[in-house]
Amino acid sequence: MFRSWITDLPTDTPLSLLVRHATSRWNIETAYHEMEQALGLGDYEGRTYRGLHHHATLVSAAHLFCLEQHLNPKDQATP
């Protein structure tokens, strides 16, 4: 299957940057799926915008914490 992307980046943009932009959707979808399944983004059943905003903010903070722990794991042997 041939895939193509249309971009408004300059013609002298490095290939690595083009690939990063082309594959960024996968990263976003993966993060959203993790927040929805593991952190409960889709579990809110309230009726107010304030409550939804509060819930989404807490889920986003929890996702940021999990991402930080994944990218910078602490050495368990060091006290």
C-alpha atoms as a PDB file:
ATOM      1  CA  MET A   1       0.000   0.000   0.000  1.00  0.00           C
ATOM      2  CA  PHE A   2       1.310   3.413  -0.930  1.00  0.00           C
ATOM      3  CA  ARG A   3       0.784   6.221   1.543  1.00  0.00           C
ATOM      4  CA  SER A   4       1.382   9.879   0.975  1.00  0.00           C
ATOM      5  CA  TRP A   5       1.236  13.004   3.112  1.00  0.00           C
ATOM      6  CA  ILE A   6       0.732  16.601   2.159  1.00  0.00           C
ATOM      7  CA  THR A   7       2.694  19.075   4.208  1.00  0.00           C
ATOM      8  CA  ASP A   8       3.465  22.757   4.236  1.00  0.00           C
ATOM      9  CA  LEU A   9       6.979  22.249   5.566  1.00  0.00           C
ATOM     10  CA  PRO A  10       9.821  23.805   3.555  1.00  0.00           C
ATOM     11  CA  THR A  11      11.321  21.715   0.750  1.00  0.00           C
ATOM     12  CA  ASP A  12      14.690  21.530   2.529  1.00  0.00           C
ATOM     13  CA  THR A  13      13.197  19.865   5.634  1.00  0.00           C
ATOM     14  CA  PRO A  14      15.325  16.874   6.732  1.00  0.00           C
ATOM     15  CA  LEU A  15      13.856  13.428   6.118  1.00  0.00           C
ATOM     16  CA  SER A  16      14.009  12.572   9.826  1.00  0.00           C
ATOM     17  CA  LEU A  17      11.729  15.527  10.642  1.00  0.00           C
ATOM     18  CA  LEU A  18       9.300  14.528   7.891  1.00  0.00           C
ATOM     19  CA  VAL A  19       9.116  10.991   9.248  1.00  0.00           C
ATOM     20  CA  ARG A  20       8.573  12.300  12.781  1.00  0.00           C
ATOM     21  CA  HIS A  21       5.646  14.406  11.618  1.00  0.00           C
ATOM     22  CA  ALA A  22       4.186  11.554   9.559  1.00  0.00           C
ATOM     23  CA  THR A  23       4.274   9.096  12.458  1.00  0.00           C
ATOM     24  CA  SER A  24       3.144  11.485  15.193  1.00  0.00           C
ATOM     25  CA  ARG A  25      -0.484  10.361  14.850  1.00  0.00           C
ATOM     26  CA  TRP A  26       0.457   6.868  16.069  1.00  0.00           C
ATOM     27  CA  ASN A  27       1.961   8.340  19.249  1.00  0.00           C
ATOM     28  CA  ILE A  28      -1.148  10.408  19.908  1.00  0.00           C
ATOM     29  CA  GLU A  29      -3.491   7.461  19.353  1.00  0.00           C
ATOM     30  CA  THR A  30      -1.395   5.227  21.612  1.00  0.00           C
ATOM     31  CA  ALA A  31      -1.411   7.798  24.425  1.00  0.00           C
ATOM     32  CA  TYR A  32      -5.178   8.315  24.087  1.00  0.00           C
ATOM     33  CA  HIS A  33      -5.813   4.558  24.155  1.00  0.00           C
ATOM     34  CA  GLU A  34      -3.677   4.204  27.296  1.00  0.00           C
ATOM     35  CA  MET A  35      -5.513   7.062  29.023  1.00  0.00           C
ATOM     36  CA  GLU A  36      -8.860   5.613  28.020  1.00  0.00           C
ATOM     37  CA  GLN A  37      -8.183   1.988  28.998  1.00  0.00           C
ATOM     38  CA  ALA A  38      -5.694   2.104  31.867  1.00  0.00           C
ATOM     39  CA  LEU A  39      -6.425   5.466  33.490  1.00  0.00           C
ATOM     40  CA  GLY A  40     -10.202   5.709  33.086  1.00  0.00           C
ATOM     41  CA  LEU A  41     -10.630   8.628  30.701  1.00  0.00           C
ATOM     42  CA  GLY A  42     -13.893   7.175  29.411  1.00  0.00           C
ATOM     43  CA  ASP A  43     -15.304   6.362  32.860  1.00  0.00           C
ATOM     44  CA  TYR A  44     -16.726   9.802  33.664  1.00  0.00           C
ATOM     45  CA  GLU A  45     -20.526   9.737  33.941  1.00  0.00           C
ATOM     46  CA  GLY A  46     -21.239  13.178  35.369  1.00  0.00           C
ATOM     47  CA  ARG A  47     -23.295  15.914  33.797  1.00  0.00           C
ATOM     48  CA  THR A  48     -21.304  19.098  34.267  1.00  0.00           C
ATOM     49  CA  TYR A  49     -18.528  20.547  32.172  1.00  0.00           C
ATOM     50  CA  ARG A  50     -16.619  21.400  35.351  1.00  0.00           C
ATOM     51  CA  GLY A  51     -16.686  17.763  36.465  1.00  0.00           C
ATOM     52  CA  LEU A  52     -15.641  16.497  33.024  1.00  0.00           C
ATOM     53  CA  HIS A  53     -12.809  19.033  32.900  1.00  0.00           C
ATOM     54  CA  HIS A  54     -11.672  18.029  36.402  1.00  0.00           C
ATOM     55  CA  HIS A  55     -11.725  14.326  35.479  1.00  0.00           C
ATOM     56  CA  ALA A  56      -9.830  14.874  32.214  1.00  0.00           C
ATOM     57  CA  THR A  57      -7.248  17.015  34.026  1.00  0.00           C
ATOM     58  CA  LEU A  58      -6.600  14.321  36.633  1.00  0.00           C
ATOM     59  CA  VAL A  59      -6.345  11.600  33.977  1.00  0.00           C
ATOM     60  CA  SER A  60      -3.881  13.764  32.026  1.00  0.00           C
ATOM     61  CA  ALA A  61      -1.786  14.323  35.163  1.00  0.00           C
ATOM     62  CA  ALA A  62      -1.790  10.581  35.880  1.00  0.00           C
ATOM     63  CA  HIS A  63      -0.732   9.871  32.287  1.00  0.00           C
ATOM     64  CA  LEU A  64       2.100  12.387  32.563  1.00  0.00           C
ATOM     65  CA  PHE A  65       3.265  10.729  35.803  1.00  0.00           C
ATOM     66  CA  CYS A  66       3.176   7.249  34.214  1.00  0.00           C
ATOM     67  CA  LEU A  67       5.038   8.519  31.155  1.00  0.00           C
ATOM     68  CA  GLU A  68       7.712  10.127  33.337  1.00  0.00           C
ATOM     69  CA  GLN A  69       8.125   6.899  35.307  1.00  0.00           C
ATOM     70  CA  HIS A  70       8.440   4.926  32.072  1.00  0.00           C
ATOM     71  CA  LEU A  71      10.988   7.256  30.482  1.00  0.00           C
ATOM     72  CA  ASN A  72      13.082   7.806  33.633  1.00  0.00           C
ATOM     73  CA  PRO A  73      12.891   4.650  35.761  1.00  0.00           C
ATOM     74  CA  LYS A  74      14.469   4.840  39.176  1.00  0.00           C
ATOM     75  CA  ASP A  75      17.245   2.386  39.924  1.00  0.00           C
ATOM     76  CA  GLN A  76      15.782   0.007  42.528  1.00  0.00           C
ATOM     77  CA  ALA A  77      19.212  -0.871  43.972  1.00  0.00           C
ATOM     78  CA  THR A  78      20.033   2.731  44.901  1.00  0.00           C
ATOM     79  CA  PRO A  79      18.508   3.894  48.229  1.00  0.00           C
END
